[in-house]
Amino acid sequence: MVKRLDYGAFMEKFSLQLSPSQHQLPLSGLTFAVKDIFDIEGYVTGFGNPDWAKTHSAATSTAPAVMDLLTAGATCLGKTAMDEMAYCMYGVNKHYGTPTNPCAPDRVPGGSSSGSAVAVAAKLVDFSLGTDTGASVRVPASYCGILGFRPSLGAVSTVGVLPMSQSYDTVGWLARDPMILNRIGRVLLHLPDVDPIKPSQIIIAEDCFRLSTIPSDRTVQVLVKSIEKLFGGK
Protein backbone atom coordinates (compact mmCIF):
# COMPACT_ATOMS: atom_id res chain seq x y z
CA MET A 1 0.00 0.00 0.00
CA VAL A 2 1.39 3.39 -1.00
CA LYS A 3 0.87 5.97 1.75
CA ARG A 4 -0.15 9.33 0.35
CA LEU A 5 1.32 12.31 2.19
CA ASP A 6 -2.12 13.66 3.00
CA TYR A 7 -3.71 10.19 3.30
CA GLY A 8 -6.01 11.18 0.44
CA ALA A 9 -7.93 13.41 2.83
CA PHE A 10 -7.92 16.60 0.75
CA MET A 11 -9.69 17.44 -2.48
CA GLU A 12 -8.12 20.89 -2.61
CA LYS A 13 -5.60 22.64 -0.39
CA PHE A 14 -5.39 26.35 0.36
CA SER A 15 -4.95 28.63 3.34
CA LEU A 16 -7.86 30.84 4.25
CA GLN A 17 -7.99 33.15 7.25
CA LEU A 18 -9.42 36.53 8.08
CA SER A 19 -7.29 39.53 8.94
CA PRO A 20 -5.40 39.09 12.23
CA SER A 21 -7.15 40.48 15.29
CA GLN A 22 -5.55 42.46 18.09
CA HIS A 23 -7.59 40.39 20.54
CA GLN A 24 -7.28 36.73 21.47
CA LEU A 25 -10.03 34.87 19.64
CA PRO A 26 -11.64 31.55 20.71
CA LEU A 27 -9.99 29.50 17.96
CA SER A 28 -6.78 31.46 17.38
CA GLY A 29 -3.91 29.26 16.25
CA LEU A 30 -6.11 26.31 15.26
CA THR A 31 -6.37 24.87 11.75
CA PHE A 32 -9.31 23.10 10.19
CA ALA A 33 -10.55 21.47 7.00
CA VAL A 34 -14.01 21.49 5.44
CA LYS A 35 -15.95 18.69 3.78
CA ASP A 36 -16.44 19.42 0.07
CA ILE A 37 -20.15 19.94 0.64
CA PHE A 38 -19.74 23.44 2.14
CA ASP A 39 -19.60 26.58 0.01
CA ILE A 40 -16.45 28.66 0.23
CA GLU A 41 -16.39 31.82 -1.83
CA GLY A 42 -14.28 31.43 -4.97
CA TYR A 43 -14.17 27.63 -4.87
CA VAL A 44 -16.42 25.06 -6.55
CA THR A 45 -18.30 22.83 -4.13
CA GLY A 46 -17.59 19.40 -5.61
CA PHE A 47 -20.05 17.18 -3.71
CA GLY A 48 -17.78 14.16 -4.23
CA ASN A 49 -18.59 13.92 -7.92
CA PRO A 50 -16.45 15.16 -10.85
CA ASP A 51 -19.43 15.83 -13.13
CA TRP A 52 -21.05 17.94 -10.43
CA ALA A 53 -17.83 19.91 -10.05
CA LYS A 54 -17.54 20.46 -13.81
CA THR A 55 -21.10 21.70 -14.21
CA HIS A 56 -21.25 24.11 -11.26
CA SER A 57 -19.66 27.51 -10.81
CA ALA A 58 -17.55 28.66 -7.91
CA ALA A 59 -19.50 29.68 -4.81
CA THR A 60 -20.22 33.38 -4.49
CA SER A 61 -20.38 33.30 -0.68
CA THR A 62 -19.08 31.24 2.22
CA ALA A 63 -21.31 29.03 4.36
CA PRO A 64 -22.11 30.72 7.72
CA ALA A 65 -20.71 27.74 9.67
CA VAL A 66 -17.35 28.16 7.95
CA MET A 67 -17.44 31.93 8.44
CA ASP A 68 -18.09 31.46 12.17
CA LEU A 69 -14.90 29.43 12.48
CA LEU A 70 -12.86 31.91 10.47
CA THR A 71 -14.23 34.82 12.46
CA ALA A 72 -13.27 32.98 15.65
CA GLY A 73 -9.64 32.98 14.49
CA ALA A 74 -9.18 29.52 12.94
CA THR A 75 -7.40 28.96 9.61
CA CYS A 76 -8.95 26.76 6.92
CA LEU A 77 -6.43 24.57 5.08
CA GLY A 78 -8.67 23.12 2.40
CA LYS A 79 -11.59 20.97 1.34
CA THR A 80 -11.79 17.28 2.15
CA ALA A 81 -12.91 14.16 0.32
CA MET A 82 -16.35 12.68 0.82
CA ASP A 83 -18.58 9.89 -0.40
CA GLU A 84 -20.19 10.68 -3.74
CA MET A 85 -23.11 13.06 -3.06
CA ALA A 86 -22.97 11.88 0.59
CA TYR A 87 -24.71 8.62 -0.35
CA CYS A 88 -22.55 6.12 1.55
CA MET A 89 -21.27 5.24 5.01
CA TYR A 90 -17.91 3.69 4.09
CA GLY A 91 -15.85 6.63 2.84
CA VAL A 92 -15.29 5.02 -0.56
CA ASN A 93 -15.27 7.16 -3.70
CA LYS A 94 -14.71 5.45 -7.06
CA HIS A 95 -13.85 8.76 -8.76
CA TYR A 96 -11.26 10.13 -6.37
CA GLY A 97 -10.22 7.11 -4.35
CA THR A 98 -10.70 6.24 -0.70
CA PRO A 99 -8.88 8.25 1.99
CA THR A 100 -6.53 6.10 4.08
CA ASN A 101 -7.64 5.48 7.64
CA PRO A 102 -4.59 6.49 9.77
CA CYS A 103 -5.88 4.37 12.65
CA ALA A 104 -6.31 1.22 10.53
CA PRO A 105 -4.78 1.61 7.04
CA ASP A 106 -6.28 -1.68 5.81
CA ARG A 107 -9.81 -0.57 6.77
CA VAL A 108 -12.24 1.97 5.33
CA PRO A 109 -12.32 5.38 7.03
CA GLY A 110 -16.11 5.58 7.23
CA GLY A 111 -18.29 8.16 5.52
CA SER A 112 -19.60 10.29 4.24
CA SER A 113 -17.31 12.82 6.00
CA SER A 114 -14.35 10.54 5.34
CA GLY A 115 -11.72 13.11 4.42
CA SER A 116 -12.66 15.34 7.34
CA ALA A 117 -12.13 12.48 9.79
CA VAL A 118 -8.88 11.35 8.16
CA ALA A 119 -7.43 14.88 8.15
CA VAL A 120 -7.99 15.12 11.89
CA ALA A 121 -6.84 11.59 12.70
CA ALA A 122 -3.65 12.09 10.65
CA LYS A 123 -2.96 15.35 12.53
CA LEU A 124 -3.08 17.37 9.31
CA VAL A 125 -5.49 19.81 10.99
CA ASP A 126 -6.70 20.42 14.54
CA PHE A 127 -10.37 19.91 13.68
CA SER A 128 -12.71 19.67 10.74
CA LEU A 129 -16.25 20.28 9.58
CA GLY A 130 -18.51 17.56 8.22
CA THR A 131 -22.18 16.89 7.81
CA ASP A 132 -24.23 14.27 9.64
CA THR A 133 -27.54 13.11 8.20
CA GLY A 134 -27.57 9.49 9.29
CA ALA A 135 -24.24 9.33 11.21
CA SER A 136 -21.89 10.73 8.54
CA VAL A 137 -19.75 12.44 11.19
CA ARG A 138 -20.11 9.88 13.95
CA VAL A 139 -19.24 6.82 11.86
CA PRO A 140 -15.94 8.12 10.40
CA ALA A 141 -15.03 9.54 13.81
CA SER A 142 -15.42 6.11 15.39
CA TYR A 143 -13.61 4.32 12.55
CA CYS A 144 -10.66 6.74 12.71
CA GLY A 145 -10.40 6.82 16.50
CA ILE A 146 -11.30 10.48 17.03
CA LEU A 147 -14.23 12.50 18.39
CA GLY A 148 -17.25 13.51 16.33
CA PHE A 149 -20.31 15.53 17.31
CA ARG A 150 -23.75 15.80 15.70
CA PRO A 151 -25.87 18.66 17.08
CA SER A 152 -29.65 18.81 17.06
CA LEU A 153 -31.35 19.54 13.76
CA GLY A 154 -31.23 23.27 13.02
CA ALA A 155 -28.80 24.11 15.83
CA VAL A 156 -26.10 25.09 13.31
CA SER A 157 -26.97 26.83 10.05
CA THR A 158 -26.97 24.61 6.95
CA VAL A 159 -27.08 27.60 4.60
CA GLY A 160 -24.38 27.15 1.98
CA VAL A 161 -24.33 23.38 2.50
CA LEU A 162 -25.47 21.13 -0.35
CA PRO A 163 -28.54 19.22 0.85
CA MET A 164 -28.72 15.47 1.09
CA SER A 165 -31.91 15.17 3.15
CA GLN A 166 -32.94 18.54 4.55
CA SER A 167 -35.15 17.15 7.30
CA TYR A 168 -32.13 15.29 8.73
CA ASP A 169 -29.04 17.23 7.59
CA THR A 170 -26.89 18.72 10.33
CA VAL A 171 -23.47 20.38 10.45
CA GLY A 172 -21.11 18.37 12.65
CA TRP A 173 -17.49 18.67 13.69
CA LEU A 174 -14.55 16.41 14.49
CA ALA A 175 -11.44 16.74 16.67
CA ARG A 176 -8.87 14.66 18.53
CA ASP A 177 -9.00 16.76 21.70
CA PRO A 178 -12.28 17.00 23.68
CA MET A 179 -11.40 20.53 24.79
CA ILE A 180 -11.06 21.64 21.17
CA LEU A 181 -14.31 19.85 20.34
CA ASN A 182 -15.96 21.91 23.07
CA ARG A 183 -14.44 25.18 21.85
CA ILE A 184 -15.70 24.55 18.32
CA GLY A 185 -19.17 23.80 19.66
CA ARG A 186 -19.28 27.05 21.59
CA VAL A 187 -18.46 28.95 18.40
CA LEU A 188 -20.84 27.12 16.09
CA LEU A 189 -23.69 27.06 18.61
CA HIS A 190 -23.07 30.71 19.54
CA LEU A 191 -22.78 29.89 23.23
CA PRO A 192 -21.43 32.50 25.66
CA ASP A 193 -17.94 31.70 26.93
CA VAL A 194 -18.87 31.80 30.62
CA ASP A 195 -18.73 29.31 33.46
CA PRO A 196 -21.98 27.47 34.24
CA ILE A 197 -24.03 28.81 37.15
CA LYS A 198 -23.50 26.74 40.27
CA PRO A 199 -26.83 25.39 41.56
CA SER A 200 -27.89 26.25 45.11
CA GLN A 201 -29.83 23.00 45.56
CA ILE A 202 -30.40 19.66 43.86
CA ILE A 203 -33.77 17.93 43.73
CA ILE A 204 -33.68 14.23 42.82
CA ALA A 205 -36.95 12.60 41.73
CA GLU A 206 -36.38 9.27 43.49
CA ASP A 207 -39.69 7.86 42.24
CA CYS A 208 -38.20 7.88 38.73
CA PHE A 209 -35.76 5.14 39.80
CA ARG A 210 -38.13 2.80 41.65
CA LEU A 211 -38.42 0.40 38.71
CA SER A 212 -34.65 0.14 38.44
CA THR A 213 -32.88 -2.98 39.76
CA ILE A 214 -30.09 -0.75 41.06
CA PRO A 215 -30.64 0.45 44.66
CA SER A 216 -31.78 4.07 44.69
CA ASP A 217 -29.04 5.15 47.10
CA ARG A 218 -26.38 4.01 44.63
CA THR A 219 -28.09 5.94 41.83
CA VAL A 220 -28.25 9.06 43.98
CA GLN A 221 -24.54 8.74 44.82
CA VAL A 222 -23.64 8.64 41.14
CA LEU A 223 -25.76 11.69 40.39
CA VAL A 224 -24.36 13.69 43.29
CA LYS A 225 -20.75 12.83 42.42
CA SER A 226 -21.33 13.81 38.79
CA ILE A 227 -22.76 17.17 39.80
CA GLU A 228 -19.90 17.76 42.26
CA LYS A 229 -17.39 16.96 39.53
CA LEU A 230 -19.09 19.35 37.12
CA PHE A 231 -19.53 22.29 39.47
CA GLY A 232 -16.74 21.64 41.98
CA GLY A 233 -17.43 20.58 45.56
CA LYS A 234 -20.63 20.39 47.55
C-alpha atoms as a PDB file:
ATOM      1  CA  MET A   1       0.000   0.000   0.000  1.00  0.00           C
ATOM      2  CA  VAL A   2       1.392   3.391  -0.997  1.00  0.00           C
ATOM      3  CA  LYS A   3       0.865   5.972   1.748  1.00  0.00           C
ATOM      4  CA  ARG A   4      -0.146   9.332   0.351  1.00  0.00           C
ATOM      5  CA  LEU A   5       1.322  12.307   2.188  1.00  0.00           C
ATOM      6  CA  ASP A   6      -2.115  13.659   3.001  1.00  0.00           C
ATOM      7  CA  TYR A   7      -3.711  10.193   3.304  1.00  0.00           C
ATOM      8  CA  GLY A   8      -6.007  11.182   0.443  1.00  0.00           C
ATOM      9  CA  ALA A   9      -7.934  13.411   2.831  1.00  0.00           C
ATOM     10  CA  PHE A  10      -7.916  16.601   0.747  1.00  0.00           C
ATOM     11  CA  MET A  11      -9.686  17.441  -2.484  1.00  0.00           C
ATOM     12  CA  GLU A  12      -8.123  20.890  -2.607  1.00  0.00           C
ATOM     13  CA  LYS A  13      -5.601  22.640  -0.387  1.00  0.00           C
ATOM     14  CA  PHE A  14      -5.390  26.346   0.361  1.00  0.00           C
ATOM     15  CA  SER A  15      -4.951  28.626   3.340  1.00  0.00           C
ATOM     16  CA  LEU A  16      -7.864  30.839   4.254  1.00  0.00           C
ATOM     17  CA  GLN A  17      -7.991  33.147   7.252  1.00  0.00           C
ATOM     18  CA  LEU A  18      -9.418  36.535   8.083  1.00  0.00           C
ATOM     19  CA  SER A  19      -7.295  39.533   8.937  1.00  0.00           C
ATOM     20  CA  PRO A  20      -5.405  39.089  12.227  1.00  0.00           C
ATOM     21  CA  SER A  21      -7.151  40.478  15.291  1.00  0.00           C
ATOM     22  CA  GLN A  22      -5.549  42.459  18.093  1.00  0.00           C
ATOM     23  CA  HIS A  23      -7.586  40.392  20.537  1.00  0.00           C
ATOM     24  CA  GLN A  24      -7.277  36.731  21.473  1.00  0.00           C
ATOM     25  CA  LEU A  25     -10.026  34.865  19.644  1.00  0.00           C
ATOM     26  CA  PRO A  26     -11.644  31.554  20.712  1.00  0.00           C
ATOM     27  CA  LEU A  27      -9.991  29.502  17.961  1.00  0.00           C
ATOM     28  CA  SER A  28      -6.782  31.461  17.376  1.00  0.00           C
ATOM     29  CA  GLY A  29      -3.909  29.259  16.247  1.00  0.00           C
ATOM     30  CA  LEU A  30      -6.112  26.312  15.256  1.00  0.00           C
ATOM     31  CA  THR A  31      -6.370  24.871  11.751  1.00  0.00           C
ATOM     32  CA  PHE A  32      -9.313  23.097  10.186  1.00  0.00           C
ATOM     33  CA  ALA A  33     -10.549  21.471   6.997  1.00  0.00           C
ATOM     34  CA  VAL A  34     -14.008  21.492   5.443  1.00  0.00           C
ATOM     35  CA  LYS A  35     -15.948  18.692   3.779  1.00  0.00           C
ATOM     36  CA  ASP A  36     -16.439  19.419   0.069  1.00  0.00           C
ATOM     37  CA  ILE A  37     -20.146  19.943   0.639  1.00  0.00           C
ATOM     38  CA  PHE A  38     -19.742  23.444   2.142  1.00  0.00           C
ATOM     39  CA  ASP A  39     -19.596  26.576   0.009  1.00  0.00           C
ATOM     40  CA  ILE A  40     -16.446  28.659   0.231  1.00  0.00           C
ATOM     41  CA  GLU A  41     -16.389  31.821  -1.835  1.00  0.00           C
ATOM     42  CA  GLY A  42     -14.285  31.434  -4.967  1.00  0.00           C
ATOM     43  CA  TYR A  43     -14.171  27.627  -4.872  1.00  0.00           C
ATOM     44  CA  VAL A  44     -16.416  25.063  -6.555  1.00  0.00           C
ATOM     45  CA  THR A  45     -18.299  22.828  -4.134  1.00  0.00           C
ATOM     46  CA  GLY A  46     -17.591  19.403  -5.610  1.00  0.00           C
ATOM     47  CA  PHE A  47     -20.055  17.178  -3.713  1.00  0.00           C
ATOM     48  CA  GLY A  48     -17.776  14.162  -4.230  1.00  0.00           C
ATOM     49  CA  ASN A  49     -18.591  13.916  -7.924  1.00  0.00           C
ATOM     50  CA  PRO A  50     -16.449  15.160 -10.849  1.00  0.00           C
ATOM     51  CA  ASP A  51     -19.426  15.830 -13.133  1.00  0.00           C
ATOM     52  CA  TRP A  52     -21.050  17.944 -10.428  1.00  0.00           C
ATOM     53  CA  ALA A  53     -17.831  19.910 -10.053  1.00  0.00           C
ATOM     54  CA  LYS A  54     -17.538  20.463 -13.810  1.00  0.00           C
ATOM     55  CA  THR A  55     -21.103  21.699 -14.207  1.00  0.00           C
ATOM     56  CA  HIS A  56     -21.250  24.114 -11.262  1.00  0.00           C
ATOM     57  CA  SER A  57     -19.661  27.510 -10.811  1.00  0.00           C
ATOM     58  CA  ALA A  58     -17.552  28.660  -7.908  1.00  0.00           C
ATOM     59  CA  ALA A  59     -19.497  29.680  -4.812  1.00  0.00           C
ATOM     60  CA  THR A  60     -20.221  33.382  -4.490  1.00  0.00           C
ATOM     61  CA  SER A  61     -20.385  33.304  -0.681  1.00  0.00           C
ATOM     62  CA  THR A  62     -19.079  31.245   2.217  1.00  0.00           C
ATOM     63  CA  ALA A  63     -21.314  29.032   4.360  1.00  0.00           C
ATOM     64  CA  PRO A  64     -22.105  30.720   7.723  1.00  0.00           C
ATOM     65  CA  ALA A  65     -20.710  27.740   9.675  1.00  0.00           C
ATOM     66  CA  VAL A  66     -17.345  28.159   7.949  1.00  0.00           C
ATOM     67  CA  MET A  67     -17.437  31.928   8.443  1.00  0.00           C
ATOM     68  CA  ASP A  68     -18.094  31.461  12.174  1.00  0.00           C
ATOM     69  CA  LEU A  69     -14.895  29.427  12.483  1.00  0.00           C
ATOM     70  CA  LEU A  70     -12.857  31.908  10.467  1.00  0.00           C
ATOM     71  CA  THR A  71     -14.230  34.823  12.462  1.00  0.00           C
ATOM     72  CA  ALA A  72     -13.270  32.982  15.646  1.00  0.00           C
ATOM     73  CA  GLY A  73      -9.640  32.982  14.493  1.00  0.00           C
ATOM     74  CA  ALA A  74      -9.176  29.523  12.939  1.00  0.00           C
ATOM     75  CA  THR A  75      -7.403  28.957   9.606  1.00  0.00           C
ATOM     76  CA  CYS A  76      -8.951  26.763   6.918  1.00  0.00           C
ATOM     77  CA  LEU A  77      -6.425  24.575   5.077  1.00  0.00           C
ATOM     78  CA  GLY A  78      -8.666  23.120   2.401  1.00  0.00           C
ATOM     79  CA  LYS A  79     -11.590  20.967   1.335  1.00  0.00           C
ATOM     80  CA  THR A  80     -11.791  17.283   2.145  1.00  0.00           C
ATOM     81  CA  ALA A  81     -12.914  14.162   0.315  1.00  0.00           C
ATOM     82  CA  MET A  82     -16.350  12.681   0.822  1.00  0.00           C
ATOM     83  CA  ASP A  83     -18.582   9.890  -0.405  1.00  0.00           C
ATOM     84  CA  GLU A  84     -20.193  10.683  -3.738  1.00  0.00           C
ATOM     85  CA  MET A  85     -23.108  13.064  -3.058  1.00  0.00           C
ATOM     86  CA  ALA A  86     -22.968  11.881   0.590  1.00  0.00           C
ATOM     87  CA  TYR A  87     -24.712   8.620  -0.352  1.00  0.00           C
ATOM     88  CA  CYS A  88     -22.551   6.118   1.550  1.00  0.00           C
ATOM     89  CA  MET A  89     -21.270   5.244   5.007  1.00  0.00           C
ATOM     90  CA  TYR A  90     -17.915   3.695   4.089  1.00  0.00           C
ATOM     91  CA  GLY A  91     -15.852   6.632   2.837  1.00  0.00           C
ATOM     92  CA  VAL A  92     -15.287   5.019  -0.555  1.00  0.00           C
ATOM     93  CA  ASN A  93     -15.273   7.155  -3.696  1.00  0.00           C
ATOM     94  CA  LYS A  94     -14.708   5.454  -7.064  1.00  0.00           C
ATOM     95  CA  HIS A  95     -13.852   8.760  -8.756  1.00  0.00           C
ATOM     96  CA  TYR A  96     -11.257  10.132  -6.367  1.00  0.00           C
ATOM     97  CA  GLY A  97     -10.223   7.109  -4.347  1.00  0.00           C
ATOM     98  CA  THR A  98     -10.696   6.237  -0.698  1.00  0.00           C
ATOM     99  CA  PRO A  99      -8.875   8.250   1.987  1.00  0.00           C
ATOM    100  CA  THR A 100      -6.528   6.095   4.076  1.00  0.00           C
ATOM    101  CA  ASN A 101      -7.639   5.484   7.644  1.00  0.00           C
ATOM    102  CA  PRO A 102      -4.586   6.489   9.771  1.00  0.00           C
ATOM    103  CA  CYS A 103      -5.877   4.374  12.650  1.00  0.00           C
ATOM    104  CA  ALA A 104      -6.306   1.221  10.535  1.00  0.00           C
ATOM    105  CA  PRO A 105      -4.783   1.608   7.037  1.00  0.00           C
ATOM    106  CA  ASP A 106      -6.285  -1.681   5.811  1.00  0.00           C
ATOM    107  CA  ARG A 107      -9.811  -0.573   6.773  1.00  0.00           C
ATOM    108  CA  VAL A 108     -12.236   1.971   5.332  1.00  0.00           C
ATOM    109  CA  PRO A 109     -12.315   5.378   7.031  1.00  0.00           C
ATOM    110  CA  GLY A 110     -16.108   5.584   7.229  1.00  0.00           C
ATOM    111  CA  GLY A 111     -18.293   8.156   5.524  1.00  0.00           C
ATOM    112  CA  SER A 112     -19.599  10.288   4.243  1.00  0.00           C
ATOM    113  CA  SER A 113     -17.314  12.819   5.997  1.00  0.00           C
ATOM    114  CA  SER A 114     -14.345  10.537   5.344  1.00  0.00           C
ATOM    115  CA  GLY A 115     -11.720  13.114   4.417  1.00  0.00           C
ATOM    116  CA  SER A 116     -12.661  15.341   7.336  1.00  0.00           C
ATOM    117  CA  ALA A 117     -12.132  12.484   9.794  1.00  0.00           C
ATOM    118  CA  VAL A 118      -8.884  11.352   8.160  1.00  0.00           C
ATOM    119  CA  ALA A 119      -7.426  14.882   8.146  1.00  0.00           C
ATOM    120  CA  VAL A 120      -7.991  15.122  11.894  1.00  0.00           C
ATOM    121  CA  ALA A 121      -6.839  11.585  12.696  1.00  0.00           C
ATOM    122  CA  ALA A 122      -3.654  12.090  10.648  1.00  0.00           C
ATOM    123  CA  LYS A 123      -2.960  15.350  12.527  1.00  0.00           C
ATOM    124  CA  LEU A 124      -3.081  17.366   9.314  1.00  0.00           C
ATOM    125  CA  VAL A 125      -5.485  19.808  10.990  1.00  0.00           C
ATOM    126  CA  ASP A 126      -6.696  20.417  14.535  1.00  0.00           C
ATOM    127  CA  PHE A 127     -10.366  19.906  13.682  1.00  0.00           C
ATOM    128  CA  SER A 128     -12.713  19.667  10.735  1.00  0.00           C
ATOM    129  CA  LEU A 129     -16.251  20.278   9.579  1.00  0.00           C
ATOM    130  CA  GLY A 130     -18.507  17.560   8.221  1.00  0.00           C
ATOM    131  CA  THR A 131     -22.185  16.886   7.814  1.00  0.00           C
ATOM    132  CA  ASP A 132     -24.228  14.271   9.640  1.00  0.00           C
ATOM    133  CA  THR A 133     -27.540  13.115   8.198  1.00  0.00           C
ATOM    134  CA  GLY A 134     -27.569   9.493   9.295  1.00  0.00           C
ATOM    135  CA  ALA A 135     -24.235   9.334  11.207  1.00  0.00           C
ATOM    136  CA  SER A 136     -21.891  10.734   8.544  1.00  0.00           C
ATOM    137  CA  VAL A 137     -19.749  12.435  11.186  1.00  0.00           C
ATOM    138  CA  ARG A 138     -20.114   9.880  13.953  1.00  0.00           C
ATOM    139  CA  VAL A 139     -19.241   6.820  11.858  1.00  0.00           C
ATOM    140  CA  PRO A 140     -15.941   8.122  10.398  1.00  0.00           C
ATOM    141  CA  ALA A 141     -15.026   9.540  13.810  1.00  0.00           C
ATOM    142  CA  SER A 142     -15.418   6.111  15.389  1.00  0.00           C
ATOM    143  CA  TYR A 143     -13.607   4.322  12.546  1.00  0.00           C
ATOM    144  CA  CYS A 144     -10.655   6.738  12.714  1.00  0.00           C
ATOM    145  CA  GLY A 145     -10.401   6.818  16.498  1.00  0.00           C
ATOM    146  CA  ILE A 146     -11.297  10.481  17.034  1.00  0.00           C
ATOM    147  CA  LEU A 147     -14.234  12.500  18.394  1.00  0.00           C
ATOM    148  CA  GLY A 148     -17.249  13.510  16.327  1.00  0.00           C
ATOM    149  CA  PHE A 149     -20.308  15.531  17.313  1.00  0.00           C
ATOM    150  CA  ARG A 150     -23.747  15.803  15.703  1.00  0.00           C
ATOM    151  CA  PRO A 151     -25.867  18.661  17.085  1.00  0.00           C
ATOM    152  CA  SER A 152     -29.646  18.808  17.061  1.00  0.00           C
ATOM    153  CA  LEU A 153     -31.349  19.542  13.757  1.00  0.00           C
ATOM    154  CA  GLY A 154     -31.230  23.270  13.016  1.00  0.00           C
ATOM    155  CA  ALA A 155     -28.799  24.105  15.831  1.00  0.00           C
ATOM    156  CA  VAL A 156     -26.102  25.089  13.309  1.00  0.00           C
ATOM    157  CA  SER A 157     -26.969  26.828  10.049  1.00  0.00           C
ATOM    158  CA  THR A 158     -26.971  24.609   6.948  1.00  0.00           C
ATOM    159  CA  VAL A 159     -27.081  27.604   4.597  1.00  0.00           C
ATOM    160  CA  GLY A 160     -24.381  27.154   1.982  1.00  0.00           C
ATOM    161  CA  VAL A 161     -24.335  23.382   2.504  1.00  0.00           C
ATOM    162  CA  LEU A 162     -25.470  21.132  -0.345  1.00  0.00           C
ATOM    163  CA  PRO A 163     -28.542  19.217   0.852  1.00  0.00           C
ATOM    164  CA  MET A 164     -28.718  15.471   1.090  1.00  0.00           C
ATOM    165  CA  SER A 165     -31.915  15.171   3.154  1.00  0.00           C
ATOM    166  CA  GLN A 166     -32.935  18.537   4.545  1.00  0.00           C
ATOM    167  CA  SER A 167     -35.154  17.154   7.299  1.00  0.00           C
ATOM    168  CA  TYR A 168     -32.130  15.292   8.732  1.00  0.00           C
ATOM    169  CA  ASP A 169     -29.041  17.232   7.586  1.00  0.00           C
ATOM    170  CA  THR A 170     -26.888  18.721  10.328  1.00  0.00           C
ATOM    171  CA  VAL A 171     -23.469  20.383  10.451  1.00  0.00           C
ATOM    172  CA  GLY A 172     -21.112  18.369  12.653  1.00  0.00           C
ATOM    173  CA  TRP A 173     -17.488  18.673  13.693  1.00  0.00           C
ATOM    174  CA  LEU A 174     -14.550  16.407  14.487  1.00  0.00           C
ATOM    175  CA  ALA A 175     -11.440  16.737  16.672  1.00  0.00           C
ATOM    176  CA  ARG A 176      -8.868  14.664  18.532  1.00  0.00           C
ATOM    177  CA  ASP A 177      -8.996  16.764  21.704  1.00  0.00           C
ATOM    178  CA  PRO A 178     -12.275  17.000  23.682  1.00  0.00           C
ATOM    179  CA  MET A 179     -11.402  20.530  24.789  1.00  0.00           C
ATOM    180  CA  ILE A 180     -11.057  21.643  21.168  1.00  0.00           C
ATOM    181  CA  LEU A 181     -14.311  19.848  20.339  1.00  0.00           C
ATOM    182  CA  ASN A 182     -15.960  21.910  23.073  1.00  0.00           C
ATOM    183  CA  ARG A 183     -14.439  25.184  21.850  1.00  0.00           C
ATOM    184  CA  ILE A 184     -15.700  24.547  18.324  1.00  0.00           C
ATOM    185  CA  GLY A 185     -19.166  23.801  19.657  1.00  0.00           C
ATOM    186  CA  ARG A 186     -19.284  27.051  21.588  1.00  0.00           C
ATOM    187  CA  VAL A 187     -18.463  28.954  18.405  1.00  0.00           C
ATOM    188  CA  LEU A 188     -20.845  27.119  16.086  1.00  0.00           C
ATOM    189  CA  LEU A 189     -23.695  27.062  18.606  1.00  0.00           C
ATOM    190  CA  HIS A 190     -23.065  30.713  19.535  1.00  0.00           C
ATOM    191  CA  LEU A 191     -22.776  29.893  23.231  1.00  0.00           C
ATOM    192  CA  PRO A 192     -21.427  32.496  25.664  1.00  0.00           C
ATOM    193  CA  ASP A 193     -17.943  31.704  26.933  1.00  0.00           C
ATOM    194  CA  VAL A 194     -18.869  31.801  30.621  1.00  0.00           C
ATOM    195  CA  ASP A 195     -18.730  29.315  33.464  1.00  0.00           C
ATOM    196  CA  PRO A 196     -21.978  27.468  34.244  1.00  0.00           C
ATOM    197  CA  ILE A 197     -24.029  28.814  37.145  1.00  0.00           C
ATOM    198  CA  LYS A 198     -23.496  26.742  40.273  1.00  0.00           C
ATOM    199  CA  PRO A 199     -26.830  25.392  41.564  1.00  0.00           C
ATOM    200  CA  SER A 200     -27.894  26.248  45.109  1.00  0.00           C
ATOM    201  CA  GLN A 201     -29.827  23.001  45.556  1.00  0.00           C
ATOM    202  CA  ILE A 202     -30.396  19.658  43.859  1.00  0.00           C
ATOM    203  CA  ILE A 203     -33.769  17.925  43.730  1.00  0.00           C
ATOM    204  CA  ILE A 204     -33.678  14.231  42.825  1.00  0.00           C
ATOM    205  CA  ALA A 205     -36.949  12.601  41.732  1.00  0.00           C
ATOM    206  CA  GLU A 206     -36.382   9.267  43.493  1.00  0.00           C
ATOM    207  CA  ASP A 207     -39.686   7.862  42.243  1.00  0.00           C
ATOM    208  CA  CYS A 208     -38.203   7.876  38.727  1.00  0.00           C
ATOM    209  CA  PHE A 209     -35.764   5.139  39.795  1.00  0.00           C
ATOM    210  CA  ARG A 210     -38.131   2.797  41.652  1.00  0.00           C
ATOM    211  CA  LEU A 211     -38.419   0.401  38.715  1.00  0.00           C
ATOM    212  CA  SER A 212     -34.649   0.138  38.436  1.00  0.00           C
ATOM    213  CA  THR A 213     -32.882  -2.976  39.758  1.00  0.00           C
ATOM    214  CA  ILE A 214     -30.095  -0.752  41.065  1.00  0.00           C
ATOM    215  CA  PRO A 215     -30.639   0.449  44.656  1.00  0.00           C
ATOM    216  CA  SER A 216     -31.782   4.071  44.694  1.00  0.00           C
ATOM    217  CA  ASP A 217     -29.036   5.151  47.103  1.00  0.00           C
ATOM    218  CA  ARG A 218     -26.381   4.012  44.626  1.00  0.00           C
ATOM    219  CA  THR A 219     -28.088   5.939  41.833  1.00  0.00           C
ATOM    220  CA  VAL A 220     -28.248   9.057  43.984  1.00  0.00           C
ATOM    221  CA  GLN A 221     -24.542   8.742  44.820  1.00  0.00           C
ATOM    222  CA  VAL A 222     -23.636   8.644  41.143  1.00  0.00           C
ATOM    223  CA  LEU A 223     -25.764  11.695  40.389  1.00  0.00           C
ATOM    224  CA  VAL A 224     -24.360  13.687  43.293  1.00  0.00           C
ATOM    225  CA  LYS A 225     -20.746  12.831  42.417  1.00  0.00           C
ATOM    226  CA  SER A 226     -21.333  13.811  38.786  1.00  0.00           C
ATOM    227  CA  ILE A 227     -22.757  17.170  39.801  1.00  0.00           C
ATOM    228  CA  GLU A 228     -19.905  17.763  42.262  1.00  0.00           C
ATOM    229  CA  LYS A 229     -17.387  16.957  39.529  1.00  0.00           C
ATOM    230  CA  LEU A 230     -19.093  19.347  37.119  1.00  0.00           C
ATOM    231  CA  PHE A 231     -19.530  22.287  39.475  1.00  0.00           C
ATOM    232  CA  GLY A 232     -16.736  21.640  41.980  1.00  0.00           C
ATOM    233  CA  GLY A 233     -17.428  20.584  45.556  1.00  0.00           C
ATOM    234  CA  LYS A 234     -20.630  20.391  47.549  1.00  0.00           C
END
